[in-house]
Amino acid sequence: MKISTTKRLERLNERYGNGDVSRRTFLTLTAAAAASAGLSTPWMGRALAAATEVRFDGWGGVVQEAIDKYAFQPYTQKTGIKVVQGTFGDEDEVITKIKTSKPGDFQVIHSSGVNYYIKYVNAGVNAEINEANIPNMVNVLEPMIEPFRKITPKIGAVPYDYGTTGIAYNNKVISDDEAREKGVGLLFDQKYAGKVGGYADMTTRVWYAALQTGQDPNNIQDMDAVWAKVRENRDLAKKFWSSGAELMDLLSKGEIVVTDAWSGRVAALQQQGQPIGYIDPKGSYAWMEDMLVLKGSPMAECEEMINFMLEPATSIAVAEGQNYPPSLDPTKVKLTEKIEKLPAFDPTGSMNALTFADPVYWANNEDAWSKQWDRISKGA
């Protein structure tokens, strides 16, 4: 009797780990089987402990506050599962921590799209999601999901929001007409020396230097010209910021009058009444964010949480709170007027108007370009 029951429990544990049975079904069946046979196994304790909480790491600030208020708190109230939260300012740093941690120490990451997804895949730390356990994925924009499928047919991440890194400027100093006329050139304008800002990130610095030299950021032919522009931009800058909170502080205090900027953070400033304009010049950097699940995570709970986050009412509330459009297809789900007015919002659902980084191209150049950017950022 005990032998057959143990085998049943092992098979059930395997199905639970694969996401083929829900947490509630798993707990009910294991408890009943173990009690009837008087059995206890080490993996049962681990599974039961893991089922009580999910670890989430995100970008902090107003973005994570919106997710916590409109998604995590209602999810915990509904399921009893606690979401233990951490934050990071640089996703490369959290990837380094994940590589040296035990499976399960990190579980769900609010990650920066396919160009970061490929890093997790190359490190071998991504999980495989059972999409049948996330029925709300039917409403997610297919153009956002497809790039993940090209990297891993069985995906380990679900797109959640998107935005752009366009050009923000102080309307008291720079008019809308001047911004539209100069576009990316505002970041390199000697007129604003000492009042220029920018994201302290290799991808952003190279991307806008490429645009300023008239090149395709996904197919750069003259890197010498790009690095020359990166240095020019560095010499004009007052500060390269490293977080959304710092970006908003620099703009609101007038310490910088022009910078590349995240669309949602600019929208937040505009809603506060700050005199900040925003444009997305042709080819400006577009990005998506996703909920990425790592190996060793309690898959059923993570999938249940992500499905809850994708409920239209939840996703819309989070989008309005963080000022980034949701991954929901606007041709399937009625979105609000506030979302439709957000910078970067694509009413067609095609995403054709946005320019995303080619993940393979950027991954192939990541190491060499990061080393060069590190030298330039230090004054080389």
Protein backbone atom coordinates (compact mmCIF):
# COMPACT_ATOMS: atom_id res chain seq x y z
CA MET A 1 0.00 0.00 0.00
CA LYS A 2 2.72 2.44 1.01
CA ILE A 3 4.76 1.71 -2.12
CA SER A 4 1.85 2.37 -4.50
CA THR A 5 0.84 5.52 -2.60
CA THR A 6 4.41 6.84 -2.73
CA LYS A 7 4.48 6.34 -6.49
CA ARG A 8 1.15 8.15 -6.79
CA LEU A 9 2.50 11.05 -4.76
CA GLU A 10 5.68 11.21 -6.85
CA ARG A 11 3.67 11.25 -10.09
CA LEU A 12 1.38 13.91 -8.66
CA ASN A 13 4.39 16.00 -7.60
CA GLU A 14 5.79 15.75 -11.12
CA ARG A 15 2.48 16.87 -12.63
CA TYR A 16 2.34 19.76 -10.15
CA GLY A 17 5.88 20.81 -11.04
CA ASN A 18 4.96 20.78 -14.72
CA GLY A 19 1.91 22.91 -14.03
CA ASP A 20 -0.53 20.19 -15.10
CA VAL A 21 -2.53 20.41 -11.86
CA SER A 22 -3.50 23.44 -9.83
CA ARG A 23 -2.09 24.22 -6.40
CA ARG A 24 -5.43 23.48 -4.76
CA THR A 25 -5.80 20.12 -6.51
CA PHE A 26 -2.22 19.24 -5.63
CA LEU A 27 -2.67 20.06 -1.94
CA THR A 28 -6.00 18.26 -1.70
CA LEU A 29 -4.80 15.05 -3.36
CA THR A 30 -1.43 14.89 -1.61
CA ALA A 31 -2.95 15.54 1.80
CA ALA A 32 -5.60 12.87 1.28
CA ALA A 33 -3.16 10.28 -0.07
CA ALA A 34 -0.48 10.92 2.55
CA ALA A 35 -2.96 10.89 5.41
CA SER A 36 -4.49 7.61 4.31
CA ALA A 37 -1.11 5.90 4.09
CA GLY A 38 0.64 7.70 6.95
CA LEU A 39 3.37 8.90 4.58
CA SER A 40 5.59 11.96 4.60
CA THR A 41 8.24 12.74 1.98
CA PRO A 42 10.84 15.57 1.84
CA TRP A 43 9.51 17.03 -1.39
CA MET A 44 6.02 17.38 0.08
CA GLY A 45 7.33 19.77 2.73
CA ARG A 46 9.15 21.85 0.14
CA ALA A 47 6.14 21.98 -2.16
CA LEU A 48 3.76 22.96 0.63
CA ALA A 49 6.17 25.68 1.82
CA ALA A 50 6.68 27.05 -1.68
CA ALA A 51 2.93 27.23 -2.26
CA THR A 52 2.46 29.90 0.40
CA GLU A 53 4.35 32.69 -1.41
CA VAL A 54 5.83 33.89 -4.69
CA ARG A 55 8.98 36.00 -4.98
CA PHE A 56 8.80 38.99 -7.35
CA ASP A 57 11.56 41.42 -8.30
CA GLY A 58 10.86 44.62 -10.23
CA TRP A 59 11.90 48.18 -10.94
CA GLY A 60 10.46 49.77 -7.80
CA GLY A 61 9.04 53.29 -7.76
CA VAL A 62 5.64 54.21 -9.19
CA VAL A 63 5.70 51.22 -11.55
CA GLN A 64 5.99 48.62 -8.79
CA GLU A 65 3.67 50.57 -6.53
CA ALA A 66 0.95 50.29 -9.20
CA ILE A 67 1.55 46.56 -9.63
CA ASP A 68 1.44 46.01 -5.87
CA LYS A 69 -1.72 48.06 -5.31
CA TYR A 70 -3.78 46.85 -8.26
CA ALA A 71 -2.45 43.31 -8.78
CA PHE A 72 -0.51 41.80 -5.89
CA GLN A 73 -2.67 42.96 -2.99
CA PRO A 74 -5.94 41.77 -4.62
CA TYR A 75 -4.20 38.52 -5.66
CA THR A 76 -3.09 37.82 -2.10
CA GLN A 77 -6.55 38.66 -0.79
CA LYS A 78 -8.11 36.23 -3.26
CA THR A 79 -5.66 33.33 -2.97
CA GLY A 80 -3.87 33.75 0.35
CA ILE A 81 -0.53 33.56 -1.47
CA LYS A 82 1.87 36.27 -0.37
CA VAL A 83 3.99 38.11 -2.96
CA VAL A 84 7.43 38.78 -1.47
CA GLN A 85 8.89 41.73 -3.35
CA GLY A 86 12.39 42.91 -4.16
CA THR A 87 13.61 45.73 -6.40
CA PHE A 88 16.54 46.41 -8.68
CA GLY A 89 17.81 49.41 -10.65
CA ASP A 90 19.85 47.52 -13.23
CA GLU A 91 18.61 44.23 -14.64
CA ASP A 92 22.13 43.08 -15.50
CA GLU A 93 22.89 43.18 -11.78
CA VAL A 94 19.93 40.97 -10.91
CA ILE A 95 20.90 38.50 -13.66
CA THR A 96 24.35 38.21 -12.08
CA LYS A 97 22.74 37.48 -8.71
CA ILE A 98 20.43 34.88 -10.25
CA LYS A 99 23.37 33.04 -11.85
CA THR A 100 25.02 32.60 -8.45
CA SER A 101 21.85 31.86 -6.46
CA LYS A 102 20.00 28.63 -5.80
CA PRO A 103 17.01 27.74 -8.04
CA GLY A 104 13.92 29.25 -6.47
CA ASP A 105 15.70 32.12 -4.69
CA PHE A 106 14.44 34.36 -7.50
CA GLN A 107 11.15 33.47 -9.18
CA VAL A 108 9.33 36.15 -11.20
CA ILE A 109 11.21 39.09 -12.73
CA HIS A 110 9.64 42.21 -14.25
CA SER A 111 12.05 41.96 -17.16
CA SER A 112 12.95 44.22 -20.08
CA GLY A 113 11.73 42.25 -23.06
CA VAL A 114 13.39 39.97 -25.58
CA ASN A 115 16.84 41.55 -25.53
CA TYR A 116 17.05 40.56 -21.86
CA TYR A 117 15.09 37.33 -22.27
CA ILE A 118 17.87 35.96 -24.45
CA LYS A 119 20.33 36.58 -21.60
CA TYR A 120 18.28 34.44 -19.21
CA VAL A 121 17.97 31.74 -21.87
CA ASN A 122 21.70 31.74 -22.57
CA ALA A 123 22.32 31.44 -18.82
CA GLY A 124 19.95 28.46 -18.67
CA VAL A 125 17.83 29.92 -15.86
CA ASN A 126 14.49 30.40 -17.64
CA ALA A 127 11.50 28.20 -16.87
CA GLU A 128 8.92 26.86 -19.33
CA ILE A 129 5.38 28.14 -18.88
CA ASN A 130 2.31 25.99 -19.38
CA GLU A 131 0.19 28.46 -21.34
CA ALA A 132 -2.95 26.42 -20.67
CA ASN A 133 -2.67 27.65 -17.08
CA ILE A 134 -2.74 31.29 -18.24
CA PRO A 135 -5.99 31.51 -20.23
CA ASN A 136 -5.88 35.32 -20.21
CA MET A 137 -2.95 35.14 -22.62
CA VAL A 138 -5.61 34.97 -25.34
CA ASN A 139 -5.93 38.76 -24.97
CA VAL A 140 -2.19 39.49 -25.13
CA LEU A 141 -0.88 41.14 -28.30
CA GLU A 142 0.52 38.44 -30.56
CA PRO A 143 3.21 40.80 -31.99
CA MET A 144 4.54 41.03 -28.42
CA ILE A 145 4.52 37.27 -27.80
CA GLU A 146 6.01 36.21 -31.14
CA PRO A 147 9.57 37.55 -30.50
CA PHE A 148 9.77 35.36 -27.38
CA ARG A 149 8.62 32.29 -29.32
CA LYS A 150 11.42 32.87 -31.84
CA ILE A 151 13.95 32.48 -29.02
CA THR A 152 12.24 29.58 -27.20
CA PRO A 153 9.14 27.96 -28.75
CA LYS A 154 7.99 27.04 -25.22
CA ILE A 155 8.16 30.47 -23.63
CA GLY A 156 9.20 31.38 -20.11
CA ALA A 157 7.87 34.94 -20.08
CA VAL A 158 4.58 36.73 -20.71
CA PRO A 159 4.53 40.31 -22.12
CA TYR A 160 2.88 42.75 -19.74
CA ASP A 161 3.46 46.36 -20.84
CA TYR A 162 5.39 48.47 -23.30
CA GLY A 163 6.69 51.95 -23.85
CA THR A 164 9.29 54.05 -25.60
CA THR A 165 12.46 55.87 -24.72
CA GLY A 166 11.82 59.13 -26.54
CA ILE A 167 13.02 62.69 -25.98
CA ALA A 168 11.71 64.71 -23.01
CA TYR A 169 12.29 68.44 -22.76
CA ASN A 170 11.44 71.40 -20.58
CA ASN A 171 8.77 73.48 -22.34
CA LYS A 172 9.92 76.63 -20.55
CA VAL A 173 13.23 76.35 -22.41
CA ILE A 174 12.49 74.31 -25.53
CA SER A 175 9.37 74.76 -27.64
CA ASP A 176 7.44 71.90 -29.20
CA ASP A 177 8.34 73.23 -32.65
CA GLU A 178 12.07 73.20 -31.84
CA ALA A 179 11.80 69.69 -30.43
CA ARG A 180 10.03 68.38 -33.50
CA GLU A 181 12.52 70.10 -35.80
CA LYS A 182 15.66 68.86 -34.04
CA GLY A 183 14.43 65.50 -32.75
CA VAL A 184 17.31 63.32 -31.54
CA GLY A 185 19.63 66.23 -32.33
CA LEU A 186 18.48 67.93 -29.10
CA LEU A 187 20.67 65.48 -27.17
CA PHE A 188 23.71 66.72 -29.08
CA ASP A 189 22.90 70.44 -29.22
CA GLN A 190 25.74 72.64 -27.88
CA LYS A 191 23.10 75.21 -26.98
CA TYR A 192 22.08 73.01 -24.04
CA ALA A 193 25.55 72.01 -22.81
CA GLY A 194 25.44 71.22 -19.11
CA LYS A 195 21.67 70.82 -19.21
CA VAL A 196 21.51 67.50 -21.09
CA GLY A 197 20.62 64.20 -19.42
CA GLY A 198 20.45 60.59 -20.49
CA TYR A 199 19.99 57.02 -19.28
CA ALA A 200 23.30 55.54 -18.04
CA ASP A 201 22.85 52.49 -20.23
CA MET A 202 24.94 51.25 -23.14
CA THR A 203 21.97 50.29 -25.32
CA THR A 204 20.33 53.71 -25.04
CA ARG A 205 23.57 55.63 -25.60
CA VAL A 206 24.51 53.58 -28.67
CA TRP A 207 20.94 53.62 -30.02
CA TYR A 208 20.63 57.42 -30.07
CA ALA A 209 24.18 57.95 -31.28
CA ALA A 210 23.37 55.62 -34.19
CA LEU A 211 20.23 57.62 -35.03
CA GLN A 212 22.20 60.88 -34.86
CA THR A 213 24.71 59.49 -37.39
CA GLY A 214 21.88 58.42 -39.71
CA GLN A 215 22.32 54.69 -39.07
CA ASP A 216 19.95 51.83 -38.29
CA PRO A 217 20.52 50.90 -34.61
CA ASN A 218 19.83 47.26 -35.53
CA ASN A 219 22.43 47.26 -38.32
CA ILE A 220 25.23 49.71 -37.50
CA GLN A 221 27.91 49.99 -40.17
CA ASP A 222 30.21 52.64 -38.68
CA MET A 223 30.80 52.12 -34.97
CA ASP A 224 33.61 54.70 -34.88
CA ALA A 225 31.10 57.39 -35.79
CA VAL A 226 28.72 56.09 -33.14
CA TRP A 227 31.34 56.15 -30.38
CA ALA A 228 32.33 59.67 -31.39
CA LYS A 229 28.71 60.77 -30.88
CA VAL A 230 28.51 58.91 -27.57
CA ARG A 231 31.52 60.92 -26.37
CA GLU A 232 30.00 64.15 -27.68
CA ASN A 233 26.79 63.44 -25.79
CA ARG A 234 28.75 62.56 -22.64
CA ASP A 235 30.62 65.88 -22.74
CA LEU A 236 27.37 67.85 -23.05
CA ALA A 237 25.60 65.98 -20.26
CA LYS A 238 25.11 67.24 -16.74
CA LYS A 239 24.08 63.79 -15.51
CA PHE A 240 23.37 60.33 -16.79
CA TRP A 241 20.52 59.05 -14.60
CA SER A 242 20.13 55.45 -13.50
CA SER A 243 16.50 55.17 -12.37
CA GLY A 244 13.06 56.48 -13.26
CA ALA A 245 12.87 58.31 -9.94
CA GLU A 246 16.15 60.10 -10.67
CA LEU A 247 14.96 61.00 -14.18
CA MET A 248 11.79 62.56 -12.80
CA ASP A 249 13.71 64.46 -10.11
CA LEU A 250 16.20 65.96 -12.59
CA LEU A 251 13.45 67.08 -14.96
CA SER A 252 11.09 68.42 -12.33
CA LYS A 253 13.83 70.49 -10.67
CA GLY A 254 15.02 71.89 -14.01
CA GLU A 255 18.55 70.53 -13.51
CA ILE A 256 18.32 69.16 -17.05
CA VAL A 257 16.19 70.55 -19.86
CA VAL A 258 16.48 67.71 -22.39
CA THR A 259 17.07 63.98 -22.06
CA ASP A 260 16.11 60.64 -23.50
CA ALA A 261 13.37 59.44 -21.18
CA TRP A 262 10.94 56.63 -20.44
CA SER A 263 7.48 57.48 -21.76
CA GLY A 264 5.60 56.44 -18.63
CA ARG A 265 7.73 58.53 -16.30
CA VAL A 266 7.20 61.54 -18.55
CA ALA A 267 3.44 60.92 -18.52
CA ALA A 268 3.56 60.91 -14.70
CA LEU A 269 5.35 64.28 -14.70
CA GLN A 270 2.82 65.73 -17.15
CA GLN A 271 -0.04 64.54 -14.94
CA GLN A 272 1.62 66.36 -12.04
CA GLY A 273 1.47 69.57 -14.07
CA GLN A 274 5.18 69.72 -14.88
CA PRO A 275 6.04 71.63 -18.10
CA ILE A 276 7.57 68.62 -19.84
CA GLY A 277 7.13 67.89 -23.54
CA TYR A 278 7.80 64.52 -25.16
CA ILE A 279 8.40 63.27 -28.69
CA ASP A 280 9.20 59.92 -30.24
CA PRO A 281 11.49 60.72 -33.19
CA LYS A 282 11.54 58.23 -36.05
CA GLY A 283 13.40 55.10 -34.96
CA SER A 284 13.31 55.95 -31.25
CA TYR A 285 13.85 53.02 -28.94
CA ALA A 286 10.73 51.01 -28.14
CA TRP A 287 10.66 48.29 -25.53
CA MET A 288 8.33 45.85 -23.89
CA GLU A 289 8.38 44.40 -20.41
CA ASP A 290 7.37 40.93 -19.37
CA MET A 291 6.75 38.74 -16.37
CA LEU A 292 9.57 36.22 -16.60
CA VAL A 293 9.51 32.99 -14.59
CA LEU A 294 12.76 31.35 -13.49
CA LYS A 295 13.69 27.72 -12.96
CA GLY A 296 12.93 26.44 -9.48
CA SER A 297 9.82 28.60 -9.12
CA PRO A 298 6.46 27.24 -7.91
CA MET A 299 5.09 27.14 -11.43
CA ALA A 300 1.39 26.68 -10.69
CA GLU A 301 1.37 29.68 -8.34
CA CYS A 302 3.43 31.84 -10.70
CA GLU A 303 1.13 31.01 -13.60
CA GLU A 304 -1.93 31.68 -11.47
CA MET A 305 -0.49 35.06 -10.41
CA ILE A 306 0.36 36.09 -13.96
CA ASN A 307 -3.08 35.04 -15.17
CA PHE A 308 -4.60 37.21 -12.43
CA MET A 309 -2.38 40.11 -13.51
CA LEU A 310 -3.65 39.73 -17.09
CA GLU A 311 -7.32 39.99 -16.10
CA PRO A 312 -8.50 43.01 -18.14
CA ALA A 313 -9.68 44.95 -15.07
CA THR A 314 -6.39 44.30 -13.26
CA SER A 315 -4.17 44.98 -16.25
CA ILE A 316 -5.99 48.22 -17.06
CA ALA A 317 -5.75 49.44 -13.46
CA VAL A 318 -2.01 48.70 -13.37
CA ALA A 319 -1.49 50.41 -16.74
CA GLU A 320 -3.25 53.55 -15.57
CA GLY A 321 -1.23 53.49 -12.35
CA GLN A 322 2.17 53.08 -13.95
CA ASN A 323 1.45 55.08 -17.15
CA TYR A 324 2.55 52.38 -19.58
CA PRO A 325 0.14 50.74 -22.05
CA PRO A 326 -0.74 47.13 -21.19
CA SER A 327 0.04 44.16 -23.42
CA LEU A 328 -3.68 43.64 -23.99
CA ASP A 329 -4.81 43.73 -27.61
CA PRO A 330 -6.95 46.88 -28.03
CA THR A 331 -8.90 45.15 -30.80
CA LYS A 332 -10.02 42.50 -28.27
CA VAL A 333 -10.22 44.42 -25.00
CA LYS A 334 -11.81 47.85 -24.54
CA LEU A 335 -9.19 50.10 -22.98
CA THR A 336 -9.74 53.39 -21.23
CA GLU A 337 -9.34 56.90 -22.56
CA LYS A 338 -6.40 57.47 -20.20
CA ILE A 339 -4.52 54.51 -21.65
CA GLU A 340 -5.33 55.55 -25.21
CA LYS A 341 -3.71 58.94 -24.51
CA LEU A 342 -0.50 57.50 -23.04
CA PRO A 343 2.75 58.09 -24.98
CA ALA A 344 3.67 55.10 -27.16
CA PHE A 345 0.12 53.62 -27.16
CA ASP A 346 -0.59 51.73 -30.40
CA PRO A 347 -4.35 51.71 -31.11
CA THR A 348 -3.94 49.25 -33.99
CA GLY A 349 -2.36 46.47 -31.94
CA SER A 350 0.10 45.84 -34.78
CA MET A 351 3.13 47.45 -33.07
CA ASN A 352 4.34 48.40 -36.57
CA ALA A 353 4.96 52.02 -35.60
CA LEU A 354 7.44 51.00 -32.88
CA THR A 355 11.11 50.08 -33.36
CA PHE A 356 12.36 47.30 -31.09
CA ALA A 357 15.93 46.11 -30.67
CA ASP A 358 16.90 42.97 -32.57
CA PRO A 359 17.73 40.65 -29.63
CA VAL A 360 20.23 38.47 -31.49
CA TYR A 361 22.09 41.42 -33.04
CA TRP A 362 22.39 43.21 -29.70
CA ALA A 363 23.29 40.03 -27.79
CA ASN A 364 26.13 39.36 -30.24
CA ASN A 365 27.57 42.84 -29.64
CA GLU A 366 26.73 43.18 -25.95
CA ASP A 367 30.12 42.35 -24.44
CA ALA A 368 32.30 44.44 -26.74
CA TRP A 369 29.98 47.44 -26.74
CA SER A 370 29.46 47.34 -22.96
CA LYS A 371 33.22 47.39 -22.39
CA GLN A 372 33.64 50.37 -24.72
CA TRP A 373 30.73 52.24 -23.12
CA ASP A 374 32.23 51.58 -19.68
CA ARG A 375 35.51 53.16 -20.81
CA ILE A 376 33.77 56.17 -22.36
CA SER A 377 31.53 56.71 -19.35
CA LYS A 378 34.68 56.97 -17.24
CA GLY A 379 36.20 59.61 -19.50
CA ALA A 380 38.09 57.66 -22.18
